N, C-alpha and C. Protein backbone atom coordinates (compact mmCIF):
# COMPACT_ATOMS: atom_id res chain seq x y z
N MET A 1 0.83 -1.18 0.00
CA MET A 1 0.00 0.00 0.00
C MET A 1 0.88 1.25 0.00
N PRO A 2 0.51 2.26 -0.77
CA PRO A 2 1.32 3.48 -0.83
C PRO A 2 1.21 4.28 0.46
N GLU A 3 2.30 4.95 0.78
CA GLU A 3 2.35 5.83 1.94
C GLU A 3 3.20 7.04 1.59
N PHE A 4 2.65 8.24 1.78
CA PHE A 4 3.34 9.46 1.42
C PHE A 4 3.48 10.36 2.64
N LYS A 5 4.55 11.13 2.65
CA LYS A 5 4.73 12.22 3.60
C LYS A 5 4.52 13.49 2.80
N ILE A 6 3.54 14.29 3.19
CA ILE A 6 3.20 15.50 2.45
C ILE A 6 3.58 16.72 3.29
N VAL A 7 4.40 17.59 2.70
CA VAL A 7 4.81 18.83 3.36
C VAL A 7 3.93 19.95 2.81
N VAL A 8 3.07 20.50 3.68
CA VAL A 8 2.13 21.54 3.29
C VAL A 8 2.69 22.89 3.73
N SER A 9 2.96 23.78 2.76
CA SER A 9 3.51 25.10 3.05
C SER A 9 2.42 26.16 2.91
N ASP A 10 2.41 27.09 3.86
CA ASP A 10 1.46 28.20 3.82
C ASP A 10 2.24 29.47 3.50
N PRO A 11 2.09 30.05 2.30
CA PRO A 11 2.87 31.23 1.93
C PRO A 11 2.51 32.48 2.73
N LYS A 12 1.32 32.54 3.30
CA LYS A 12 0.92 33.72 4.07
C LYS A 12 1.67 33.79 5.40
N THR A 13 1.81 32.67 6.08
CA THR A 13 2.48 32.65 7.38
C THR A 13 3.94 32.25 7.27
N GLY A 14 4.32 31.59 6.18
CA GLY A 14 5.69 31.13 6.00
C GLY A 14 5.98 29.85 6.76
N LYS A 15 4.96 29.19 7.26
CA LYS A 15 5.14 27.96 8.02
C LYS A 15 4.78 26.75 7.19
N ALA A 16 5.33 25.60 7.59
CA ALA A 16 5.04 24.34 6.90
C ALA A 16 4.73 23.27 7.94
N LYS A 17 3.89 22.32 7.55
CA LYS A 17 3.63 21.19 8.42
C LYS A 17 3.60 19.92 7.60
N THR A 18 3.86 18.81 8.28
CA THR A 18 3.94 17.51 7.61
C THR A 18 2.70 16.70 7.92
N VAL A 19 2.15 16.06 6.88
CA VAL A 19 0.98 15.20 7.01
C VAL A 19 1.34 13.84 6.42
N ASN A 20 1.13 12.77 7.18
CA ASN A 20 1.35 11.41 6.67
C ASN A 20 0.04 10.88 6.11
N VAL A 21 0.10 10.32 4.91
CA VAL A 21 -1.09 9.82 4.23
C VAL A 21 -0.87 8.36 3.86
N LYS A 22 -1.85 7.52 4.14
CA LYS A 22 -1.74 6.09 3.85
C LYS A 22 -2.97 5.59 3.09
N ASP A 23 -2.85 4.41 2.52
CA ASP A 23 -3.91 3.61 1.94
C ASP A 23 -4.78 4.35 0.94
N ASP A 24 -6.09 4.46 1.19
CA ASP A 24 -7.04 5.00 0.21
C ASP A 24 -6.78 6.47 -0.10
N LYS A 25 -6.41 7.25 0.91
CA LYS A 25 -6.10 8.66 0.67
C LYS A 25 -4.87 8.80 -0.21
N ALA A 26 -3.89 7.93 -0.01
CA ALA A 26 -2.67 7.96 -0.82
C ALA A 26 -2.95 7.52 -2.25
N LYS A 27 -3.82 6.54 -2.43
CA LYS A 27 -4.17 6.08 -3.78
C LYS A 27 -4.81 7.18 -4.61
N ALA A 28 -5.53 8.10 -3.95
CA ALA A 28 -6.17 9.20 -4.67
C ALA A 28 -5.15 10.17 -5.25
N LEU A 29 -3.94 10.21 -4.68
CA LEU A 29 -2.91 11.13 -5.17
C LEU A 29 -2.07 10.54 -6.31
N ILE A 30 -2.08 9.22 -6.46
CA ILE A 30 -1.28 8.59 -7.52
C ILE A 30 -1.80 9.02 -8.89
N GLY A 31 -0.89 9.45 -9.73
CA GLY A 31 -1.25 9.90 -11.07
C GLY A 31 -1.30 11.41 -11.20
N LEU A 32 -1.31 12.14 -10.09
CA LEU A 32 -1.28 13.60 -10.16
C LEU A 32 0.12 14.06 -10.55
N LYS A 33 0.20 15.23 -11.19
CA LYS A 33 1.48 15.75 -11.67
C LYS A 33 1.84 17.05 -10.96
N ILE A 34 3.11 17.42 -11.06
CA ILE A 34 3.57 18.69 -10.51
C ILE A 34 2.83 19.83 -11.21
N GLY A 35 2.30 20.76 -10.42
CA GLY A 35 1.56 21.88 -10.96
C GLY A 35 0.05 21.71 -10.87
N GLU A 36 -0.43 20.50 -10.63
CA GLU A 36 -1.86 20.28 -10.53
C GLU A 36 -2.37 20.72 -9.16
N VAL A 37 -3.62 21.15 -9.12
CA VAL A 37 -4.27 21.60 -7.90
C VAL A 37 -5.30 20.55 -7.50
N PHE A 38 -5.33 20.19 -6.20
CA PHE A 38 -6.32 19.25 -5.71
C PHE A 38 -6.91 19.76 -4.40
N ASP A 39 -8.03 19.17 -4.00
CA ASP A 39 -8.74 19.57 -2.79
C ASP A 39 -8.01 19.04 -1.56
N GLY A 40 -7.87 19.86 -0.54
CA GLY A 40 -7.17 19.48 0.68
C GLY A 40 -7.89 18.43 1.49
N SER A 41 -9.18 18.22 1.23
CA SER A 41 -9.92 17.20 1.99
C SER A 41 -9.40 15.79 1.69
N LEU A 42 -8.68 15.62 0.58
CA LEU A 42 -8.08 14.31 0.28
C LEU A 42 -7.07 13.89 1.33
N ILE A 43 -6.41 14.87 1.95
CA ILE A 43 -5.40 14.55 2.95
C ILE A 43 -5.80 15.00 4.36
N GLY A 44 -7.05 15.42 4.52
CA GLY A 44 -7.53 15.78 5.84
C GLY A 44 -7.49 17.27 6.15
N LEU A 45 -7.27 18.11 5.16
CA LEU A 45 -7.28 19.57 5.34
C LEU A 45 -8.45 20.14 4.55
N SER A 46 -9.59 20.27 5.19
CA SER A 46 -10.78 20.71 4.48
C SER A 46 -10.77 22.22 4.29
N GLY A 47 -11.36 22.66 3.18
CA GLY A 47 -11.51 24.08 2.90
C GLY A 47 -10.33 24.74 2.22
N VAL A 48 -9.33 23.98 1.79
CA VAL A 48 -8.18 24.57 1.11
C VAL A 48 -7.91 23.83 -0.19
N LYS A 49 -7.31 24.55 -1.12
CA LYS A 49 -6.83 23.95 -2.37
C LYS A 49 -5.31 23.87 -2.28
N LEU A 50 -4.74 22.77 -2.72
CA LEU A 50 -3.30 22.55 -2.64
C LEU A 50 -2.72 22.34 -4.03
N LYS A 51 -1.57 22.95 -4.27
CA LYS A 51 -0.87 22.82 -5.55
C LYS A 51 0.42 22.04 -5.32
N ILE A 52 0.65 21.02 -6.14
CA ILE A 52 1.86 20.20 -6.03
C ILE A 52 3.03 20.97 -6.63
N THR A 53 4.11 21.12 -5.84
CA THR A 53 5.27 21.87 -6.31
C THR A 53 6.50 20.99 -6.52
N GLY A 54 6.48 19.76 -6.02
CA GLY A 54 7.64 18.89 -6.19
C GLY A 54 7.56 17.69 -5.27
N GLY A 55 8.70 17.03 -5.11
CA GLY A 55 8.77 15.86 -4.24
C GLY A 55 10.01 15.06 -4.51
N SER A 56 10.07 13.90 -3.88
CA SER A 56 11.20 13.00 -4.09
C SER A 56 10.75 11.56 -3.86
N ASP A 57 11.57 10.61 -4.34
CA ASP A 57 11.21 9.21 -4.17
C ASP A 57 11.89 8.64 -2.93
N ARG A 58 11.74 7.34 -2.73
CA ARG A 58 12.26 6.68 -1.52
C ARG A 58 13.78 6.72 -1.45
N SER A 59 14.44 6.84 -2.57
CA SER A 59 15.91 6.91 -2.60
C SER A 59 16.43 8.33 -2.49
N GLY A 60 15.53 9.32 -2.50
CA GLY A 60 15.93 10.71 -2.38
C GLY A 60 16.10 11.44 -3.69
N PHE A 61 15.77 10.80 -4.81
CA PHE A 61 15.89 11.46 -6.11
C PHE A 61 14.75 12.46 -6.30
N PRO A 62 15.05 13.71 -6.68
CA PRO A 62 14.02 14.74 -6.80
C PRO A 62 13.16 14.57 -8.05
N MET A 63 11.93 15.09 -7.98
CA MET A 63 11.02 15.09 -9.12
C MET A 63 11.26 16.36 -9.93
N LEU A 64 11.32 16.22 -11.25
CA LEU A 64 11.48 17.36 -12.15
C LEU A 64 10.17 17.63 -12.88
N PRO A 65 9.74 18.89 -12.95
CA PRO A 65 8.46 19.19 -13.60
C PRO A 65 8.46 18.99 -15.11
N TYR A 66 9.61 19.00 -15.77
CA TYR A 66 9.66 18.87 -17.22
C TYR A 66 9.97 17.46 -17.70
N LEU A 67 10.15 16.50 -16.80
CA LEU A 67 10.38 15.11 -17.16
C LEU A 67 9.07 14.35 -17.03
N GLN A 68 8.49 13.92 -18.14
CA GLN A 68 7.15 13.35 -18.16
C GLN A 68 7.10 11.93 -17.60
N GLY A 69 6.03 11.64 -16.86
CA GLY A 69 5.77 10.30 -16.37
C GLY A 69 6.41 10.00 -15.03
N PRO A 70 6.14 8.81 -14.49
CA PRO A 70 6.68 8.42 -13.18
C PRO A 70 8.01 7.67 -13.31
N VAL A 71 8.84 8.05 -14.25
CA VAL A 71 10.06 7.32 -14.56
C VAL A 71 11.24 7.82 -13.74
N LYS A 72 12.27 6.98 -13.64
CA LYS A 72 13.54 7.38 -13.05
C LYS A 72 14.55 7.35 -14.18
N LYS A 73 15.20 8.51 -14.43
CA LYS A 73 16.16 8.61 -15.52
C LYS A 73 17.43 9.28 -15.04
N SER A 74 18.49 9.00 -15.75
CA SER A 74 19.77 9.65 -15.51
C SER A 74 20.00 10.62 -16.66
N ILE A 75 19.94 11.92 -16.35
CA ILE A 75 20.05 12.94 -17.39
C ILE A 75 21.18 13.91 -17.05
N ILE A 76 21.65 14.63 -18.07
CA ILE A 76 22.70 15.62 -17.87
C ILE A 76 22.05 16.95 -17.48
N LEU A 77 22.46 17.49 -16.33
CA LEU A 77 21.92 18.75 -15.83
C LEU A 77 22.99 19.82 -15.84
N THR A 78 22.58 21.04 -16.13
CA THR A 78 23.50 22.17 -16.07
C THR A 78 23.18 23.09 -14.88
N LYS A 79 21.93 23.07 -14.41
CA LYS A 79 21.50 23.85 -13.26
C LYS A 79 20.10 23.40 -12.86
N GLY A 80 19.60 23.93 -11.78
CA GLY A 80 18.22 23.69 -11.39
C GLY A 80 18.06 22.62 -10.33
N ILE A 81 16.90 22.02 -10.30
CA ILE A 81 16.54 21.04 -9.28
C ILE A 81 17.45 19.82 -9.41
N GLY A 82 18.07 19.45 -8.31
CA GLY A 82 18.91 18.26 -8.30
C GLY A 82 20.38 18.51 -8.55
N PHE A 83 20.76 19.73 -8.98
CA PHE A 83 22.17 20.01 -9.26
C PHE A 83 22.45 21.50 -9.17
N LYS A 84 23.39 21.86 -8.32
CA LYS A 84 23.84 23.24 -8.19
C LYS A 84 25.32 23.29 -8.58
N PRO A 85 25.65 23.79 -9.78
CA PRO A 85 27.05 23.79 -10.24
C PRO A 85 27.93 24.71 -9.42
N LYS A 86 29.17 24.28 -9.18
CA LYS A 86 30.14 25.08 -8.43
C LYS A 86 30.86 26.08 -9.33
N LYS A 87 30.98 25.73 -10.64
CA LYS A 87 31.64 26.61 -11.61
C LYS A 87 30.71 26.83 -12.79
N LYS A 88 30.96 27.92 -13.51
CA LYS A 88 30.17 28.21 -14.70
C LYS A 88 30.48 27.19 -15.80
N GLY A 89 29.42 26.68 -16.45
CA GLY A 89 29.59 25.74 -17.54
C GLY A 89 29.68 24.29 -17.12
N LEU A 90 29.63 24.01 -15.82
CA LEU A 90 29.73 22.64 -15.33
C LEU A 90 28.45 21.88 -15.63
N ARG A 91 28.59 20.64 -16.14
CA ARG A 91 27.45 19.77 -16.40
C ARG A 91 27.71 18.44 -15.70
N LYS A 92 26.62 17.78 -15.29
CA LYS A 92 26.79 16.52 -14.58
C LYS A 92 25.59 15.62 -14.83
N ARG A 93 25.85 14.33 -14.93
CA ARG A 93 24.77 13.36 -15.08
C ARG A 93 24.22 13.01 -13.71
N LYS A 94 22.91 13.23 -13.52
CA LYS A 94 22.26 12.98 -12.25
C LYS A 94 21.01 12.14 -12.47
N THR A 95 20.66 11.34 -11.50
CA THR A 95 19.44 10.55 -11.55
C THR A 95 18.30 11.35 -10.93
N VAL A 96 17.17 11.43 -11.64
CA VAL A 96 16.02 12.21 -11.21
C VAL A 96 14.74 11.42 -11.51
N ARG A 97 13.63 11.89 -10.95
CA ARG A 97 12.31 11.29 -11.17
C ARG A 97 11.47 12.18 -12.08
N GLY A 98 10.47 11.59 -12.68
CA GLY A 98 9.53 12.32 -13.52
C GLY A 98 8.53 13.12 -12.70
N ASN A 99 7.62 13.80 -13.36
CA ASN A 99 6.71 14.73 -12.69
C ASN A 99 5.42 14.11 -12.18
N THR A 100 5.24 12.81 -12.30
CA THR A 100 4.01 12.15 -11.91
C THR A 100 4.20 11.37 -10.61
N ILE A 101 3.24 11.49 -9.70
CA ILE A 101 3.31 10.78 -8.43
C ILE A 101 3.00 9.31 -8.66
N ALA A 102 3.88 8.44 -8.14
CA ALA A 102 3.71 6.99 -8.25
C ALA A 102 3.89 6.37 -6.86
N GLU A 103 3.83 5.06 -6.78
CA GLU A 103 4.00 4.38 -5.49
C GLU A 103 5.41 4.52 -4.96
N ASP A 104 6.39 4.79 -5.82
CA ASP A 104 7.77 4.97 -5.38
C ASP A 104 8.00 6.32 -4.73
N THR A 105 7.08 7.25 -4.89
CA THR A 105 7.22 8.58 -4.31
C THR A 105 7.10 8.50 -2.80
N ALA A 106 7.99 9.18 -2.08
CA ALA A 106 7.95 9.16 -0.62
C ALA A 106 7.51 10.50 -0.05
N LEU A 107 7.93 11.59 -0.70
CA LEU A 107 7.67 12.93 -0.18
C LEU A 107 7.04 13.78 -1.28
N ILE A 108 5.99 14.51 -0.92
CA ILE A 108 5.32 15.39 -1.85
C ILE A 108 5.26 16.79 -1.22
N ASN A 109 5.75 17.78 -1.95
CA ASN A 109 5.69 19.16 -1.49
C ASN A 109 4.47 19.85 -2.11
N VAL A 110 3.66 20.47 -1.28
CA VAL A 110 2.48 21.19 -1.75
C VAL A 110 2.44 22.57 -1.10
N VAL A 111 1.73 23.48 -1.76
CA VAL A 111 1.55 24.84 -1.24
C VAL A 111 0.06 25.17 -1.27
N ILE A 112 -0.40 25.90 -0.26
CA ILE A 112 -1.80 26.30 -0.19
C ILE A 112 -2.04 27.45 -1.17
N VAL A 113 -3.03 27.28 -2.06
CA VAL A 113 -3.32 28.34 -3.03
C VAL A 113 -4.60 29.09 -2.70
N SER A 114 -5.49 28.51 -1.91
CA SER A 114 -6.68 29.25 -1.47
C SER A 114 -7.32 28.59 -0.28
């Protein structure tokens, strides 16, 4: 059964809290992508809308919004999520996850939009 740790950030207060989601509630999140908005009642926060901003899998590999599907790939990065270059022009091959939530996902970052 899938189990996710969801970090809910509130931009108005600047605070974040963690919510653990299991079983049926977690199954409802599978298939959602980075950037999608869903109702907070799915995870026990009624009256709010939540937008998915990122996440990582069980091994710690980050999710990239431009990599389609729930795949794990090794790609060359020059900057951005998963790689911060120390020198200008540095490139490195890094393993990352796609933008879709799957059972391998462990952590999901969301922000309150309303």
